C-alpha atoms as a PDB file:
ATOM      1  CA  UNK A   1      16.281   3.664   1.521  1.00  0.00           C
ATOM      2  CA  UNK A   2      18.520   4.718   4.530  1.00  0.00           C
ATOM      3  CA  UNK A   3      20.381   7.887   4.598  1.00  0.00           C
ATOM      4  CA  UNK A   4      24.521   7.497   5.164  1.00  0.00           C
ATOM      5  CA  UNK A   5      25.585   8.745   7.986  1.00  0.00           C
ATOM      6  CA  UNK A   6      28.383  11.403   7.716  1.00  0.00           C
ATOM      7  CA  UNK A   7      31.689   9.954   7.155  1.00  0.00           C
ATOM      8  CA  UNK A   8      34.215   9.768   9.729  1.00  0.00           C
ATOM      9  CA  UNK A   9      36.994  12.173   9.421  1.00  0.00           C
ATOM     10  CA  UNK A  10      40.222  11.468  10.621  1.00  0.00           C
ATOM     11  CA  UNK A  11      41.079  13.556  13.571  1.00  0.00           C
ATOM     12  CA  UNK A  12      44.007  15.508  11.786  1.00  0.00           C
ATOM     13  CA  UNK A  13      42.315  16.671   9.049  1.00  0.00           C
ATOM     14  CA  UNK A  14      42.494  20.522   9.529  1.00  0.00           C
ATOM     15  CA  UNK A  15      45.767  20.483  12.046  1.00  0.00           C
ATOM     16  CA  UNK A  16      48.920  22.462  11.137  1.00  0.00           C
ATOM     17  CA  UNK A  17      51.995  20.719  10.785  1.00  0.00           C
ATOM     18  CA  UNK A  18      50.625  17.923   9.037  1.00  0.00           C
ATOM     19  CA  UNK A  19      53.121  15.661   6.910  1.00  0.00           C
ATOM     20  CA  UNK A  20      52.598  15.598   3.016  1.00  0.00           C
ATOM     21  CA  UNK A  21      51.691  11.686   3.373  1.00  0.00           C
ATOM     22  CA  UNK A  22      48.547  12.786   5.877  1.00  0.00           C
ATOM     23  CA  UNK A  23      47.457  15.570   3.980  1.00  0.00           C
ATOM     24  CA  UNK A  24      47.358  12.969   0.760  1.00  0.00           C
ATOM     25  CA  UNK A  25      45.243  10.330   3.012  1.00  0.00           C
ATOM     26  CA  UNK A  26      43.056  12.613   4.112  1.00  0.00           C
ATOM     27  CA  UNK A  27      42.283  14.138   0.031  1.00  0.00           C
ATOM     28  CA  UNK A  28      41.924  10.233  -0.663  1.00  0.00           C
ATOM     29  CA  UNK A  29      39.210   9.796   1.917  1.00  0.00           C
ATOM     30  CA  UNK A  30      37.674  12.473   1.156  1.00  0.00           C
ATOM     31  CA  UNK A  31      37.730  11.472  -2.131  1.00  0.00           C
ATOM     32  CA  UNK A  32      36.542   8.682  -1.850  1.00  0.00           C
ATOM     33  CA  UNK A  33      33.452   9.616   0.514  1.00  0.00           C
ATOM     34  CA  UNK A  34      32.884  11.914  -2.165  1.00  0.00           C
ATOM     35  CA  UNK A  35      32.503   9.083  -5.025  1.00  0.00           C
ATOM     36  CA  UNK A  36      30.123   7.237  -2.596  1.00  0.00           C
ATOM     37  CA  UNK A  37      27.986  10.421  -1.722  1.00  0.00           C
ATOM     38  CA  UNK A  38      27.498  10.927  -5.158  1.00  0.00           C
ATOM     39  CA  UNK A  39      26.585   7.159  -5.968  1.00  0.00           C
ATOM     40  CA  UNK A  40      24.330   7.407  -3.314  1.00  0.00           C
ATOM     41  CA  UNK A  41      22.523  10.773  -4.593  1.00  0.00           C
ATOM     42  CA  UNK A  42      22.527   9.389  -8.263  1.00  0.00           C
ATOM     43  CA  UNK A  43      20.345   6.491  -7.020  1.00  0.00           C
ATOM     44  CA  UNK A  44      18.042   8.111  -4.748  1.00  0.00           C
ATOM     45  CA  UNK A  45      17.361  10.560  -7.613  1.00  0.00           C
ATOM     46  CA  UNK A  46      16.777   8.275 -10.083  1.00  0.00           C
ATOM     47  CA  UNK A  47      14.725   6.395  -7.947  1.00  0.00           C
ATOM     48  CA  UNK A  48      12.387   9.827  -7.135  1.00  0.00           C
ATOM     49  CA  UNK A  49      12.214  10.984 -10.793  1.00  0.00           C
ATOM     50  CA  UNK A  50      10.743   7.419 -11.781  1.00  0.00           C
ATOM     51  CA  UNK A  51       6.956   8.149 -12.244  1.00  0.00           C
ATOM     52  CA  UNK A  52       6.267   4.822 -12.793  1.00  0.00           C
ATOM     53  CA  UNK A  53       7.236   3.731  -9.800  1.00  0.00           C
ATOM     54  CA  UNK A  54       6.041   6.784  -8.266  1.00  0.00           C
ATOM     55  CA  UNK A  55       2.579   6.220  -9.520  1.00  0.00           C
ATOM     56  CA  UNK A  56       2.570   2.530  -8.265  1.00  0.00           C
ATOM     57  CA  UNK A  57       3.353   3.386  -4.831  1.00  0.00           C
ATOM     58  CA  UNK A  58       0.989   5.928  -4.565  1.00  0.00           C
ATOM     59  CA  UNK A  59      -1.895   4.890  -6.365  1.00  0.00           C
ATOM     60  CA  UNK A  60      -4.689   5.234  -3.911  1.00  0.00           C
ATOM     61  CA  UNK A  61      -3.666   8.889  -3.409  1.00  0.00           C
ATOM     62  CA  UNK A  62      -3.645   9.329  -7.074  1.00  0.00           C
ATOM     63  CA  UNK A  63      -7.169   7.501  -7.146  1.00  0.00           C
ATOM     64  CA  UNK A  64      -8.376   9.857  -4.453  1.00  0.00           C
ATOM     65  CA  UNK A  65      -6.999  13.061  -6.074  1.00  0.00           C
ATOM     66  CA  UNK A  66      -8.496  12.474  -9.464  1.00  0.00           C
ATOM     67  CA  UNK A  67     -12.068  11.606  -7.658  1.00  0.00           C
ATOM     68  CA  UNK A  68     -11.575  15.001  -5.972  1.00  0.00           C
ATOM     69  CA  UNK A  69     -10.738  17.386  -8.992  1.00  0.00           C
ATOM     70  CA  UNK A  70     -13.661  15.403 -10.975  1.00  0.00           C
ATOM     71  CA  UNK A  71     -15.987  16.164  -8.664  1.00  0.00           C
ATOM     72  CA  UNK A  72     -14.826  19.980  -8.524  1.00  0.00           C
ATOM     73  CA  UNK A  73     -14.696  20.188 -12.073  1.00  0.00           C
ATOM     74  CA  UNK A  74     -18.377  18.863 -12.130  1.00  0.00           C
ATOM     75  CA  UNK A  75     -19.665  21.124  -9.385  1.00  0.00           C
ATOM     76  CA  UNK A  76     -17.703  24.007 -11.367  1.00  0.00           C
ATOM     77  CA  UNK A  77     -19.579  23.253 -14.621  1.00  0.00           C
ATOM     78  CA  UNK A  78     -23.151  22.815 -12.634  1.00  0.00           C
ATOM     79  CA  UNK A  79     -22.603  26.255 -11.517  1.00  0.00           C
ATOM     80  CA  UNK A  80     -21.626  27.621 -14.834  1.00  0.00           C
ATOM     81  CA  UNK A  81     -24.739  26.223 -16.656  1.00  0.00           C
ATOM     82  CA  UNK A  82     -27.334  27.661 -14.073  1.00  0.00           C
ATOM     83  CA  UNK A  83     -26.342  31.258 -14.868  1.00  0.00           C
END
């Protein structure tokens, strides 16, 4: 998923002496930008919290991690038995 570049802000934003119509337009643009950002964030959060997809995407790392953990636990159990 590509990152969304920062939205283009009108050059009049924040300048004194703007008309009410310019202010309303800027508010509408910012509202639209915020809505788009929230939707992109919602999709990204859903993607990152989908554990089934994460397991599928990182299957080999999980297998290696499980093997290392198994060997470590087995080694610790052997050390305890020798005492």
